[in-house]
Protein backbone atom coordinates (compact mmCIF):
# COMPACT_ATOMS: atom_id res chain seq x y z
CA UNK A 1 123.31 -75.10 -96.59
CA UNK A 2 124.29 -72.74 -98.79
CA UNK A 3 122.62 -69.98 -100.94
CA UNK A 4 123.63 -68.76 -104.45
CA UNK A 5 123.13 -65.50 -106.08
CA UNK A 6 123.46 -65.48 -109.62
CA UNK A 7 124.82 -63.09 -111.89
CA UNK A 8 121.94 -62.21 -114.69
CA UNK A 9 122.48 -64.41 -117.34
CA UNK A 10 124.34 -67.88 -115.18
CA UNK A 11 122.11 -70.39 -115.21
CA UNK A 12 124.66 -73.01 -113.60
CA UNK A 13 125.19 -72.96 -109.74
CA UNK A 14 128.67 -73.66 -108.87
CA UNK A 15 129.31 -77.04 -107.19
CA UNK A 16 130.05 -76.79 -103.24
CA UNK A 17 133.21 -78.17 -101.46
CA UNK A 18 133.19 -81.06 -100.20
CA UNK A 19 130.41 -81.85 -97.20
CA UNK A 20 131.66 -82.96 -94.02
CA UNK A 21 129.64 -86.34 -93.09
CA UNK A 22 125.67 -86.08 -92.63
CA UNK A 23 124.58 -86.06 -89.13
CA UNK A 24 120.80 -87.71 -88.11
CA UNK A 25 119.49 -84.06 -87.91
CA UNK A 26 121.11 -83.55 -91.33
CA UNK A 27 119.53 -87.09 -92.94
CA UNK A 28 116.07 -85.89 -91.07
CA UNK A 29 116.04 -82.37 -92.96
CA UNK A 30 116.95 -83.89 -96.59
CA UNK A 31 112.84 -86.01 -95.85
CA UNK A 32 110.87 -84.26 -98.05
CA UNK A 33 108.15 -84.95 -95.89
CA UNK A 34 109.48 -83.37 -92.66
CA UNK A 35 110.56 -80.49 -94.64
CA UNK A 36 106.82 -80.16 -96.14
CA UNK A 37 105.75 -80.80 -92.47
CA UNK A 38 107.64 -77.65 -91.00
CA UNK A 39 106.83 -75.69 -94.11
CA UNK A 40 102.87 -76.43 -93.25
CA UNK A 41 103.82 -75.10 -89.32
CA UNK A 42 105.07 -71.77 -90.64
CA UNK A 43 102.07 -72.02 -93.40
CA UNK A 44 99.17 -72.94 -91.41
CA UNK A 45 99.92 -69.63 -88.79
CA UNK A 46 100.29 -67.19 -91.38
CA UNK A 47 97.29 -67.91 -93.37
CA UNK A 48 94.76 -67.93 -89.45
CA UNK A 49 96.62 -64.46 -89.33
CA UNK A 50 95.74 -63.27 -92.81
CA UNK A 51 92.35 -64.30 -91.42
CA UNK A 52 92.25 -62.33 -88.55
CA UNK A 53 93.63 -59.64 -90.42
CA UNK A 54 91.24 -59.47 -92.69
CA UNK A 55 88.03 -60.07 -90.85
CA UNK A 56 89.06 -56.74 -88.72
CA UNK A 57 89.79 -55.02 -91.24
CA UNK A 58 86.85 -55.64 -93.23
CA UNK A 59 84.45 -55.12 -89.86
CA UNK A 60 86.38 -51.60 -89.17
CA UNK A 61 85.30 -50.75 -93.12
CA UNK A 62 82.05 -51.44 -92.75
CA UNK A 63 81.42 -50.01 -89.26
CA UNK A 64 82.51 -46.62 -90.80
CA UNK A 65 81.09 -46.67 -94.03
CA UNK A 66 77.60 -48.33 -92.48
CA UNK A 67 77.72 -44.43 -91.47
CA UNK A 68 78.20 -43.17 -95.03
CA UNK A 69 75.32 -41.61 -97.01
CA UNK A 70 75.17 -39.65 -100.88
CA UNK A 71 75.56 -36.80 -98.83
CA UNK A 72 78.84 -37.57 -97.22
CA UNK A 73 82.12 -35.99 -98.47
CA UNK A 74 83.82 -37.70 -101.15
CA UNK A 75 87.08 -37.27 -99.71
CA UNK A 76 85.83 -39.38 -96.31
CA UNK A 77 84.90 -41.58 -98.74
CA UNK A 78 87.79 -41.82 -100.76
CA UNK A 79 90.51 -42.38 -97.51
CA UNK A 80 88.35 -44.59 -96.06
CA UNK A 81 88.73 -46.94 -99.46
CA UNK A 82 92.90 -45.78 -99.84
CA UNK A 83 93.44 -46.57 -95.98
CA UNK A 84 92.08 -50.16 -96.08
CA UNK A 85 93.73 -51.02 -99.44
CA UNK A 86 96.85 -49.66 -97.72
CA UNK A 87 96.02 -51.79 -94.71
CA UNK A 88 96.11 -54.86 -97.54
CA UNK A 89 99.13 -54.11 -98.49
CA UNK A 90 100.89 -53.76 -94.85
CA UNK A 91 98.79 -57.26 -94.37
CA UNK A 92 100.87 -58.97 -96.92
CA UNK A 93 103.99 -57.39 -95.53
CA UNK A 94 103.75 -58.59 -92.43
CA UNK A 95 103.01 -62.15 -94.19
CA UNK A 96 106.01 -62.10 -95.85
CA UNK A 97 107.83 -60.93 -93.51
CA UNK A 98 106.46 -64.04 -90.74
CA UNK A 99 107.94 -66.55 -94.01
CA UNK A 100 111.51 -64.56 -93.53
CA UNK A 101 112.13 -65.03 -89.55
CA UNK A 102 112.02 -69.13 -89.99
CA UNK A 103 114.04 -69.07 -92.86
CA UNK A 104 116.63 -66.99 -91.58
CA UNK A 105 116.44 -68.34 -87.29
CA UNK A 106 116.73 -71.79 -89.05
CA UNK A 107 119.28 -70.89 -91.18
CA UNK A 108 118.16 -71.56 -94.80
CA UNK A 109 119.34 -67.96 -95.95
CA UNK A 110 121.95 -65.82 -94.78
CA UNK A 111 120.94 -62.47 -94.17
CA UNK A 112 117.79 -60.56 -93.91
CA UNK A 113 117.88 -59.04 -97.31
CA UNK A 114 118.70 -62.21 -99.23
CA UNK A 115 115.54 -63.99 -96.77
CA UNK A 116 113.13 -61.39 -97.53
CA UNK A 117 114.15 -61.13 -101.59
CA UNK A 118 113.57 -64.77 -101.69
CA UNK A 119 110.46 -64.86 -99.68
CA UNK A 120 108.96 -62.22 -101.85
CA UNK A 121 109.38 -63.71 -105.14
CA UNK A 122 108.38 -67.11 -103.58
CA UNK A 123 105.46 -65.55 -102.25
CA UNK A 124 104.28 -63.07 -105.20
CA UNK A 125 104.99 -65.96 -107.36
CA UNK A 126 107.38 -63.44 -109.15
CA UNK A 127 109.63 -67.21 -110.40
CA UNK A 128 112.88 -64.70 -111.18
CA UNK A 129 115.05 -67.20 -109.98
CA UNK A 130 117.73 -64.91 -108.72
CA UNK A 131 118.27 -66.68 -105.08
CA UNK A 132 117.93 -70.60 -104.74
CA UNK A 133 117.55 -72.17 -101.10
CA UNK A 134 119.70 -75.16 -100.12
CA UNK A 135 118.54 -78.63 -101.98
CA UNK A 136 116.74 -79.74 -98.40
CA UNK A 137 114.95 -77.12 -98.23
CA UNK A 138 113.52 -76.64 -102.20
CA UNK A 139 110.41 -77.58 -101.11
CA UNK A 140 109.56 -74.49 -98.89
CA UNK A 141 109.12 -71.83 -101.64
CA UNK A 142 106.70 -73.77 -103.76
CA UNK A 143 104.60 -73.50 -99.79
CA UNK A 144 105.37 -69.92 -99.96
CA UNK A 145 103.83 -69.32 -103.52
CA UNK A 146 101.15 -71.11 -102.29
CA UNK A 147 100.62 -68.98 -99.22
CA UNK A 148 101.05 -66.10 -101.41
CA UNK A 149 98.48 -67.68 -103.65
CA UNK A 150 95.81 -68.33 -101.54
CA UNK A 151 95.87 -65.17 -99.27
CA UNK A 152 95.34 -62.92 -102.46
CA UNK A 153 93.06 -64.54 -103.54
CA UNK A 154 91.07 -64.19 -100.26
CA UNK A 155 92.24 -60.12 -99.62
CA UNK A 156 91.31 -59.92 -103.89
CA UNK A 157 87.66 -60.74 -102.25
CA UNK A 158 87.82 -57.89 -99.46
CA UNK A 159 89.10 -56.01 -102.59
CA UNK A 160 85.52 -56.65 -104.26
CA UNK A 161 83.66 -56.32 -101.20
CA UNK A 162 85.28 -52.32 -100.45
CA UNK A 163 84.71 -51.57 -104.76
CA UNK A 164 81.24 -52.48 -104.44
CA UNK A 165 80.87 -51.17 -101.08
CA UNK A 166 82.16 -48.14 -103.12
CA UNK A 167 80.54 -48.21 -106.38
CA UNK A 168 76.93 -48.69 -104.50
CA UNK A 169 77.63 -45.31 -102.61
CA UNK A 170 78.24 -43.58 -105.75
CA UNK A 171 75.45 -44.83 -107.81
CA UNK A 172 73.20 -43.59 -105.14
CA UNK A 173 74.52 -40.36 -105.14
CA UNK A 174 73.95 -40.33 -109.25
CA UNK A 175 70.32 -41.42 -108.32
CA UNK A 176 70.23 -38.31 -105.77
CA UNK A 177 71.40 -35.70 -107.92
CA UNK A 178 69.37 -37.12 -110.93
CA UNK A 179 66.77 -37.12 -108.76
CA UNK A 180 67.25 -32.94 -107.82
CA UNK A 181 68.26 -32.20 -111.65
CA UNK A 182 64.56 -33.84 -112.50
CA UNK A 183 63.19 -31.74 -109.59
CA UNK A 184 64.41 -28.62 -110.29
CA UNK A 185 64.04 -28.56 -113.91
CA UNK A 186 60.16 -29.69 -113.54
CA UNK A 187 60.45 -26.56 -111.07
CA UNK A 188 61.39 -24.26 -113.78
CA UNK A 189 58.81 -25.75 -116.48
C-alpha cells in the first residue's frame, strides 16, 4: 500500500515498485464487497454518534431556549445560538477524527496529517484530489463522502430549527415593542 501526494499541476501517479506475491489477506482486500463492508462498519457507528450528539444538543438548546421570553437579554440568545452552532462544528470534527483513526490503524494512510486531510477532503466532498488512497481502498472515499453529505444534511435540519426558534423570539420581541410603542402613542394622544 502506498499513498501518493501530487504536486500542483501533476496529473499522473508514479508507478509503484514491483510488489511481492499477494497474500490471502491482500487478495481479500481487493474484493470491493469486503472494502464496502469494512467502510460501512465504520460509517454506521459514525452516523449513530452523529444522531446521539444532535439529539443531546437539540435537547440542551430547547431546554434553555424554552426559558427565554421577549424580555430576555439579546446577548443570552446570541450566546446560546453561537454555542449551539459551535457545538455542531465540533461534532463534525469529531466524526472526521473517527474516520481518520481506522485509516491510520489499518495502515491505509501513513500519518495523521495526510489521513485527516484526506478524510476532511472526502467528508466535505471538496474533491481537490491531491491525496489518493491505494487502489484496494479507493471505495472508502465515496463512503466517507456519503457520510459527510448525510450528516451535513442532518445538521442543517438542526440549524434550521435553532434559527427558526431564534427568529420566532425576535418576532415576539418586535410585536411586544410595537404594542408598547402603540400604547405609548395612544397615551400621549
